[in-house]
Amino acid sequence: LDEASAKRFMEVALDAVQWQQPEGSWGPIPRMTSWMTNQGCTCRYGYGGLRISPEPYNDWILEIMKLCMPLCGLANPEEWPNS
């Protein structure tokens, strides 16, 4: 991945993702979270008693996956992670 693409993907991740900061019994958790899944998935992500609703993969995530998944030996999109 070239430096310009890496920088662009990072900027999009910071700006375009709907980051959530759920609240626990002690107030807001100390980190931002986003749970992205394939379109139509209703599975939720949870940790520490908190649950995060999914948001569909954005186009930029799919673009990254097209670049990176073949490098991991997963050339077929049907084999890619769904969340």
C-alpha atoms as a PDB file:
ATOM      1  CA  LEU A   1       0.000   0.000   0.000  1.00  0.00           C
ATOM      2  CA  ASP A   2       1.539   3.272  -1.031  1.00  0.00           C
ATOM      3  CA  GLU A   3       1.856   6.127   1.444  1.00  0.00           C
ATOM      4  CA  ALA A   4      -0.732   8.361  -0.263  1.00  0.00           C
ATOM      5  CA  SER A   5      -3.378   5.611  -0.200  1.00  0.00           C
ATOM      6  CA  ALA A   6      -2.619   4.776   3.431  1.00  0.00           C
ATOM      7  CA  LYS A   7      -2.974   8.441   4.384  1.00  0.00           C
ATOM      8  CA  ARG A   8      -6.255   8.765   2.473  1.00  0.00           C
ATOM      9  CA  PHE A   9      -7.713   5.633   4.098  1.00  0.00           C
ATOM     10  CA  MET A  10      -6.721   6.875   7.556  1.00  0.00           C
ATOM     11  CA  GLU A  11      -8.318  10.273   6.940  1.00  0.00           C
ATOM     12  CA  VAL A  12     -11.530   8.625   5.774  1.00  0.00           C
ATOM     13  CA  ALA A  13     -11.528   6.309   8.790  1.00  0.00           C
ATOM     14  CA  LEU A  14     -11.241   9.271  11.122  1.00  0.00           C
ATOM     15  CA  ASP A  15     -13.793  11.452   9.322  1.00  0.00           C
ATOM     16  CA  ALA A  16     -16.388   9.186   7.697  1.00  0.00           C
ATOM     17  CA  VAL A  17     -16.916   6.502  10.324  1.00  0.00           C
ATOM     18  CA  GLN A  18     -19.801   6.949  12.729  1.00  0.00           C
ATOM     19  CA  TRP A  19     -17.706   6.466  15.850  1.00  0.00           C
ATOM     20  CA  GLN A  20     -19.670   5.715  19.006  1.00  0.00           C
ATOM     21  CA  GLN A  21     -18.709   6.167  22.639  1.00  0.00           C
ATOM     22  CA  PRO A  22     -21.191   4.134  24.666  1.00  0.00           C
ATOM     23  CA  GLU A  23     -21.705   4.785  28.336  1.00  0.00           C
ATOM     24  CA  GLY A  24     -21.171   2.180  31.001  1.00  0.00           C
ATOM     25  CA  SER A  25     -21.975   2.273  34.691  1.00  0.00           C
ATOM     26  CA  TRP A  26     -19.027   4.653  35.241  1.00  0.00           C
ATOM     27  CA  GLY A  27     -19.860   6.969  32.339  1.00  0.00           C
ATOM     28  CA  PRO A  28     -18.508   7.053  28.775  1.00  0.00           C
ATOM     29  CA  ILE A  29     -16.046   4.294  27.935  1.00  0.00           C
ATOM     30  CA  PRO A  30     -12.515   5.575  27.259  1.00  0.00           C
ATOM     31  CA  ARG A  31     -12.431   4.651  23.570  1.00  0.00           C
ATOM     32  CA  MET A  32     -14.466   5.219  20.445  1.00  0.00           C
ATOM     33  CA  THR A  33     -15.952   2.190  18.698  1.00  0.00           C
ATOM     34  CA  SER A  34     -17.506   1.332  15.361  1.00  0.00           C
ATOM     35  CA  TRP A  35     -18.920  -2.036  14.310  1.00  0.00           C
ATOM     36  CA  MET A  36     -19.074  -2.467  10.537  1.00  0.00           C
ATOM     37  CA  THR A  37     -20.678  -5.431   8.802  1.00  0.00           C
ATOM     38  CA  ASN A  38     -21.976  -6.613   5.445  1.00  0.00           C
ATOM     39  CA  GLN A  39     -25.207  -4.973   4.318  1.00  0.00           C
ATOM     40  CA  GLY A  40     -28.194  -6.572   6.025  1.00  0.00           C
ATOM     41  CA  CYS A  41     -26.324  -7.965   9.022  1.00  0.00           C
ATOM     42  CA  THR A  42     -28.072  -7.239  12.305  1.00  0.00           C
ATOM     43  CA  CYS A  43     -25.476  -8.819  14.584  1.00  0.00           C
ATOM     44  CA  ARG A  44     -24.310  -6.609  17.414  1.00  0.00           C
ATOM     45  CA  TYR A  45     -20.874  -6.247  18.930  1.00  0.00           C
ATOM     46  CA  GLY A  46     -20.530  -6.344  22.661  1.00  0.00           C
ATOM     47  CA  TYR A  47     -17.943  -6.017  25.370  1.00  0.00           C
ATOM     48  CA  GLY A  48     -18.049  -5.183  29.056  1.00  0.00           C
ATOM     49  CA  GLY A  49     -21.844  -5.359  29.077  1.00  0.00           C
ATOM     50  CA  LEU A  50     -22.147  -2.785  26.272  1.00  0.00           C
ATOM     51  CA  ARG A  51     -23.671  -3.466  22.856  1.00  0.00           C
ATOM     52  CA  ILE A  52     -22.868  -1.659  19.598  1.00  0.00           C
ATOM     53  CA  SER A  53     -25.269  -1.784  16.641  1.00  0.00           C
ATOM     54  CA  PRO A  54     -23.751  -2.462  13.223  1.00  0.00           C
ATOM     55  CA  GLU A  55     -23.365  -0.025  10.381  1.00  0.00           C
ATOM     56  CA  PRO A  56     -22.945  -1.347   6.813  1.00  0.00           C
ATOM     57  CA  TYR A  57     -19.472  -1.400   5.301  1.00  0.00           C
ATOM     58  CA  ASN A  58     -18.716   1.891   3.581  1.00  0.00           C
ATOM     59  CA  ASP A  59     -17.270   1.959   0.062  1.00  0.00           C
ATOM     60  CA  TRP A  60     -13.816   2.802   1.400  1.00  0.00           C
ATOM     61  CA  ILE A  61     -13.794  -0.326   3.610  1.00  0.00           C
ATOM     62  CA  LEU A  62     -14.626  -2.444   0.574  1.00  0.00           C
ATOM     63  CA  GLU A  63     -11.843  -0.679  -1.348  1.00  0.00           C
ATOM     64  CA  ILE A  64      -9.363  -1.517   1.410  1.00  0.00           C
ATOM     65  CA  MET A  65     -10.579  -5.107   1.479  1.00  0.00           C
ATOM     66  CA  LYS A  66     -10.074  -5.397  -2.293  1.00  0.00           C
ATOM     67  CA  LEU A  67      -6.461  -4.360  -1.755  1.00  0.00           C
ATOM     68  CA  CYS A  68      -5.689  -6.287   1.413  1.00  0.00           C
ATOM     69  CA  MET A  69      -7.684  -9.522   1.393  1.00  0.00           C
ATOM     70  CA  PRO A  70      -5.796 -11.030  -1.589  1.00  0.00           C
ATOM     71  CA  LEU A  71      -2.563 -10.328   0.315  1.00  0.00           C
ATOM     72  CA  CYS A  72      -3.996 -12.498   3.104  1.00  0.00           C
ATOM     73  CA  GLY A  73      -4.752 -15.334   0.681  1.00  0.00           C
ATOM     74  CA  LEU A  74      -8.436 -14.398   0.301  1.00  0.00           C
ATOM     75  CA  ALA A  75      -8.882 -13.426  -3.339  1.00  0.00           C
ATOM     76  CA  ASN A  76     -12.566 -14.432  -3.481  1.00  0.00           C
ATOM     77  CA  PRO A  77     -14.838 -11.752  -1.933  1.00  0.00           C
ATOM     78  CA  GLU A  78     -17.175 -14.504  -0.708  1.00  0.00           C
ATOM     79  CA  GLU A  79     -14.383 -15.582   1.663  1.00  0.00           C
ATOM     80  CA  TRP A  80     -13.847 -12.127   3.145  1.00  0.00           C
ATOM     81  CA  PRO A  81     -14.941 -11.292   6.712  1.00  0.00           C
ATOM     82  CA  ASN A  82     -18.550 -10.215   7.072  1.00  0.00           C
ATOM     83  CA  SER A  83     -17.856  -7.996  10.068  1.00  0.00           C
END
